[in-house]
Amino acid sequence: MIDRDDGDLVAIQTIRRMEPPLADHADVMYLLMRLNLESEGACFAALKDGDTDLLILAARLKADAVSRESVAAMLRDAMGLSRRLDEVTAG
């Protein structure tokens, strides 16, 4: 999607909807923060969409940095981080 405020290209994947109380999701939020330390070009974050709290995977490119190569790298980083989450939560 394109961020309407600054024109950045943003990729977002919803990881989980968080039902109240948010403290019930502390373990998964902690895991995502630890995975952020391993990441490059993408990260986990929290997003409020209306009344819904979401945990998301996000990657962002500044509008003036968008090219075929930079978009491919952004998506590669995001998919790698998504796969890493799958690895640590399997089993």
N, C-alpha and C. Protein backbone atom coordinates (compact mmCIF):
# COMPACT_ATOMS: atom_id res chain seq x y z
N MET A 1 0.83 -1.17 0.00
CA MET A 1 0.00 0.00 0.00
C MET A 1 0.89 1.24 0.00
N ILE A 2 0.31 2.36 -0.37
CA ILE A 2 1.03 3.63 -0.36
C ILE A 2 0.54 4.43 0.84
N ASP A 3 1.48 4.88 1.67
CA ASP A 3 1.14 5.72 2.82
C ASP A 3 0.69 7.07 2.30
N ARG A 4 -0.55 7.44 2.56
CA ARG A 4 -1.08 8.68 1.99
C ARG A 4 -0.45 9.93 2.59
N ASP A 5 0.19 9.82 3.75
CA ASP A 5 0.82 10.99 4.37
C ASP A 5 2.14 11.36 3.72
N ASP A 6 2.95 10.34 3.37
CA ASP A 6 4.27 10.67 2.82
C ASP A 6 4.63 9.95 1.54
N GLY A 7 3.73 9.12 1.02
CA GLY A 7 3.97 8.44 -0.25
C GLY A 7 4.86 7.22 -0.16
N ASP A 8 5.25 6.80 1.05
CA ASP A 8 6.09 5.62 1.21
C ASP A 8 5.33 4.37 0.77
N LEU A 9 6.06 3.39 0.28
CA LEU A 9 5.51 2.09 -0.02
C LEU A 9 5.59 1.25 1.24
N VAL A 10 4.47 0.69 1.67
CA VAL A 10 4.42 -0.05 2.93
C VAL A 10 3.79 -1.42 2.69
N ALA A 11 4.45 -2.46 3.17
CA ALA A 11 3.91 -3.82 3.14
C ALA A 11 3.52 -4.19 4.56
N ILE A 12 2.31 -4.70 4.73
CA ILE A 12 1.82 -5.07 6.06
C ILE A 12 1.18 -6.45 5.99
N GLN A 13 1.54 -7.31 6.93
CA GLN A 13 0.91 -8.62 7.09
C GLN A 13 0.39 -8.70 8.52
N THR A 14 -0.89 -9.00 8.68
CA THR A 14 -1.45 -9.16 10.03
C THR A 14 -0.99 -10.51 10.58
N ILE A 15 -0.39 -10.46 11.76
CA ILE A 15 0.07 -11.67 12.44
C ILE A 15 -1.01 -12.19 13.38
N ARG A 16 -1.64 -11.27 14.12
CA ARG A 16 -2.65 -11.69 15.10
C ARG A 16 -3.51 -10.50 15.50
N ARG A 17 -4.80 -10.76 15.69
CA ARG A 17 -5.69 -9.79 16.32
C ARG A 17 -5.57 -10.00 17.82
N MET A 18 -5.52 -8.91 18.56
CA MET A 18 -5.36 -9.02 20.01
C MET A 18 -6.66 -8.58 20.69
N GLU A 19 -7.30 -9.52 21.32
CA GLU A 19 -8.50 -9.24 22.09
C GLU A 19 -8.07 -8.79 23.49
N PRO A 20 -8.82 -7.88 24.10
CA PRO A 20 -8.48 -7.45 25.46
C PRO A 20 -8.61 -8.63 26.43
N PRO A 21 -7.85 -8.61 27.48
CA PRO A 21 -6.84 -7.62 27.84
C PRO A 21 -5.54 -7.85 27.06
N LEU A 22 -4.89 -6.77 26.68
CA LEU A 22 -3.66 -6.86 25.89
C LEU A 22 -2.55 -7.58 26.63
N ALA A 23 -2.58 -7.54 27.95
CA ALA A 23 -1.55 -8.22 28.75
C ALA A 23 -1.53 -9.72 28.47
N ASP A 24 -2.65 -10.27 28.01
CA ASP A 24 -2.70 -11.70 27.67
C ASP A 24 -1.80 -12.04 26.49
N HIS A 25 -1.34 -11.05 25.76
CA HIS A 25 -0.53 -11.26 24.56
C HIS A 25 0.94 -10.92 24.80
N ALA A 26 1.32 -10.75 26.04
CA ALA A 26 2.68 -10.33 26.37
C ALA A 26 3.74 -11.32 25.87
N ASP A 27 3.48 -12.61 25.98
CA ASP A 27 4.47 -13.61 25.55
C ASP A 27 4.77 -13.49 24.06
N VAL A 28 3.72 -13.38 23.26
CA VAL A 28 3.96 -13.28 21.81
C VAL A 28 4.58 -11.94 21.45
N MET A 29 4.20 -10.87 22.14
CA MET A 29 4.81 -9.56 21.87
C MET A 29 6.30 -9.60 22.22
N TYR A 30 6.66 -10.25 23.30
CA TYR A 30 8.06 -10.39 23.68
C TYR A 30 8.83 -11.16 22.61
N LEU A 31 8.25 -12.26 22.12
CA LEU A 31 8.88 -13.05 21.06
C LEU A 31 9.11 -12.19 19.82
N LEU A 32 8.11 -11.42 19.42
CA LEU A 32 8.24 -10.60 18.22
C LEU A 32 9.32 -9.53 18.39
N MET A 33 9.42 -8.97 19.58
CA MET A 33 10.48 -7.97 19.83
C MET A 33 11.86 -8.61 19.73
N ARG A 34 11.99 -9.84 20.22
CA ARG A 34 13.29 -10.54 20.12
C ARG A 34 13.62 -10.83 18.67
N LEU A 35 12.62 -11.21 17.88
CA LEU A 35 12.85 -11.47 16.46
C LEU A 35 13.23 -10.20 15.71
N ASN A 36 12.73 -9.05 16.18
CA ASN A 36 13.11 -7.78 15.55
C ASN A 36 14.62 -7.56 15.60
N LEU A 37 15.27 -8.07 16.64
CA LEU A 37 16.72 -7.92 16.75
C LEU A 37 17.46 -8.65 15.63
N GLU A 38 16.86 -9.71 15.11
CA GLU A 38 17.47 -10.48 14.03
C GLU A 38 17.14 -9.90 12.65
N SER A 39 16.16 -9.03 12.59
CA SER A 39 15.62 -8.63 11.30
C SER A 39 16.41 -7.50 10.65
N GLU A 40 16.25 -7.43 9.34
CA GLU A 40 16.84 -6.34 8.57
C GLU A 40 15.81 -5.95 7.51
N GLY A 41 15.38 -4.71 7.53
CA GLY A 41 14.46 -4.22 6.50
C GLY A 41 12.99 -4.45 6.78
N ALA A 42 12.65 -5.24 7.76
CA ALA A 42 11.25 -5.49 8.13
C ALA A 42 11.21 -5.63 9.65
N CYS A 43 10.03 -5.43 10.23
CA CYS A 43 9.92 -5.56 11.68
C CYS A 43 8.49 -5.89 12.07
N PHE A 44 8.35 -6.38 13.29
CA PHE A 44 7.05 -6.60 13.87
C PHE A 44 6.64 -5.33 14.61
N ALA A 45 5.34 -5.05 14.63
CA ALA A 45 4.84 -3.84 15.26
C ALA A 45 3.40 -4.07 15.70
N ALA A 46 2.87 -3.10 16.44
CA ALA A 46 1.46 -3.10 16.84
C ALA A 46 0.77 -1.99 16.08
N LEU A 47 -0.49 -2.22 15.74
CA LEU A 47 -1.27 -1.25 14.98
C LEU A 47 -2.69 -1.24 15.51
N LYS A 48 -3.25 -0.07 15.63
CA LYS A 48 -4.65 0.09 16.05
C LYS A 48 -5.45 0.39 14.78
N ASP A 49 -6.41 -0.47 14.46
CA ASP A 49 -7.27 -0.29 13.29
C ASP A 49 -8.70 -0.14 13.80
N GLY A 50 -9.14 1.09 13.99
CA GLY A 50 -10.44 1.33 14.61
C GLY A 50 -10.38 0.89 16.06
N ASP A 51 -11.23 -0.05 16.41
CA ASP A 51 -11.25 -0.59 17.77
C ASP A 51 -10.42 -1.86 17.92
N THR A 52 -9.77 -2.28 16.84
CA THR A 52 -9.05 -3.55 16.83
C THR A 52 -7.55 -3.33 16.98
N ASP A 53 -6.95 -4.05 17.93
CA ASP A 53 -5.50 -4.04 18.10
C ASP A 53 -4.91 -5.21 17.33
N LEU A 54 -3.87 -4.92 16.54
CA LEU A 54 -3.26 -5.94 15.70
C LEU A 54 -1.77 -6.02 15.96
N LEU A 55 -1.22 -7.22 15.84
CA LEU A 55 0.22 -7.40 15.73
C LEU A 55 0.49 -7.61 14.24
N ILE A 56 1.45 -6.87 13.70
CA ILE A 56 1.70 -6.92 12.27
C ILE A 56 3.18 -7.12 11.97
N LEU A 57 3.45 -7.53 10.75
CA LEU A 57 4.78 -7.53 10.17
C LEU A 57 4.77 -6.40 9.16
N ALA A 58 5.74 -5.50 9.23
CA ALA A 58 5.74 -4.34 8.34
C ALA A 58 7.11 -4.12 7.73
N ALA A 59 7.09 -3.59 6.52
CA ALA A 59 8.31 -3.15 5.84
C ALA A 59 7.95 -1.85 5.12
N ARG A 60 8.91 -0.94 5.02
CA ARG A 60 8.63 0.38 4.46
C ARG A 60 9.79 0.84 3.59
N LEU A 61 9.43 1.44 2.45
CA LEU A 61 10.41 2.08 1.57
C LEU A 61 10.01 3.52 1.36
N LYS A 62 10.95 4.42 1.49
CA LYS A 62 10.70 5.82 1.18
C LYS A 62 10.35 5.94 -0.30
N ALA A 63 9.45 6.85 -0.61
CA ALA A 63 8.95 7.00 -1.98
C ALA A 63 10.09 7.18 -2.98
N ASP A 64 11.10 7.95 -2.63
CA ASP A 64 12.19 8.22 -3.58
C ASP A 64 13.20 7.08 -3.68
N ALA A 65 13.01 6.02 -2.87
CA ALA A 65 13.91 4.87 -2.91
C ALA A 65 13.28 3.67 -3.61
N VAL A 66 12.06 3.81 -4.11
CA VAL A 66 11.36 2.69 -4.73
C VAL A 66 11.96 2.38 -6.10
N SER A 67 12.37 1.13 -6.24
CA SER A 67 12.86 0.61 -7.51
C SER A 67 12.51 -0.88 -7.53
N ARG A 68 12.67 -1.51 -8.66
CA ARG A 68 12.40 -2.95 -8.74
C ARG A 68 13.26 -3.70 -7.72
N GLU A 69 14.52 -3.33 -7.62
CA GLU A 69 15.44 -4.01 -6.71
C GLU A 69 15.09 -3.76 -5.25
N SER A 70 14.76 -2.51 -4.91
CA SER A 70 14.47 -2.21 -3.50
C SER A 70 13.16 -2.86 -3.06
N VAL A 71 12.17 -2.93 -3.95
CA VAL A 71 10.91 -3.60 -3.60
C VAL A 71 11.15 -5.10 -3.43
N ALA A 72 11.94 -5.69 -4.30
CA ALA A 72 12.27 -7.11 -4.17
C ALA A 72 12.98 -7.38 -2.85
N ALA A 73 13.91 -6.50 -2.48
CA ALA A 73 14.63 -6.67 -1.21
C ALA A 73 13.69 -6.51 -0.02
N MET A 74 12.79 -5.53 -0.09
CA MET A 74 11.84 -5.31 0.99
C MET A 74 10.97 -6.55 1.19
N LEU A 75 10.45 -7.10 0.10
CA LEU A 75 9.60 -8.29 0.21
C LEU A 75 10.39 -9.50 0.67
N ARG A 76 11.63 -9.63 0.21
CA ARG A 76 12.49 -10.74 0.65
C ARG A 76 12.74 -10.67 2.16
N ASP A 77 13.02 -9.47 2.67
CA ASP A 77 13.24 -9.30 4.10
C ASP A 77 11.98 -9.62 4.90
N ALA A 78 10.83 -9.16 4.41
CA ALA A 78 9.56 -9.41 5.11
C ALA A 78 9.23 -10.90 5.12
N MET A 79 9.40 -11.57 3.99
CA MET A 79 9.09 -13.00 3.93
C MET A 79 10.08 -13.80 4.78
N GLY A 80 11.32 -13.36 4.82
CA GLY A 80 12.30 -14.04 5.68
C GLY A 80 11.94 -13.93 7.14
N LEU A 81 11.50 -12.77 7.56
CA LEU A 81 11.10 -12.59 8.96
C LEU A 81 9.84 -13.39 9.26
N SER A 82 8.92 -13.45 8.31
CA SER A 82 7.71 -14.25 8.49
C SER A 82 8.06 -15.73 8.63
N ARG A 83 8.98 -16.22 7.79
CA ARG A 83 9.42 -17.62 7.90
C ARG A 83 10.10 -17.88 9.24
N ARG A 84 10.88 -16.91 9.70
CA ARG A 84 11.56 -17.07 11.00
C ARG A 84 10.54 -17.20 12.13
N LEU A 85 9.46 -16.41 12.07
CA LEU A 85 8.39 -16.54 13.07
C LEU A 85 7.79 -17.94 13.01
N ASP A 86 7.55 -18.44 11.81
CA ASP A 86 7.01 -19.80 11.66
C ASP A 86 7.95 -20.83 12.29
N GLU A 87 9.25 -20.65 12.09
CA GLU A 87 10.24 -21.60 12.63
C GLU A 87 10.20 -21.63 14.15
N VAL A 88 10.17 -20.47 14.78
CA VAL A 88 10.25 -20.45 16.24
C VAL A 88 8.92 -20.80 16.92
N THR A 89 7.83 -20.74 16.19
CA THR A 89 6.53 -21.08 16.79
C THR A 89 6.05 -22.47 16.41
N ALA A 90 6.77 -23.16 15.51
CA ALA A 90 6.38 -24.52 15.11
C ALA A 90 6.58 -25.48 16.28
N GLY A 91 5.63 -26.38 16.40
CA GLY A 91 5.76 -27.43 17.41
C GLY A 91 5.42 -26.97 18.71
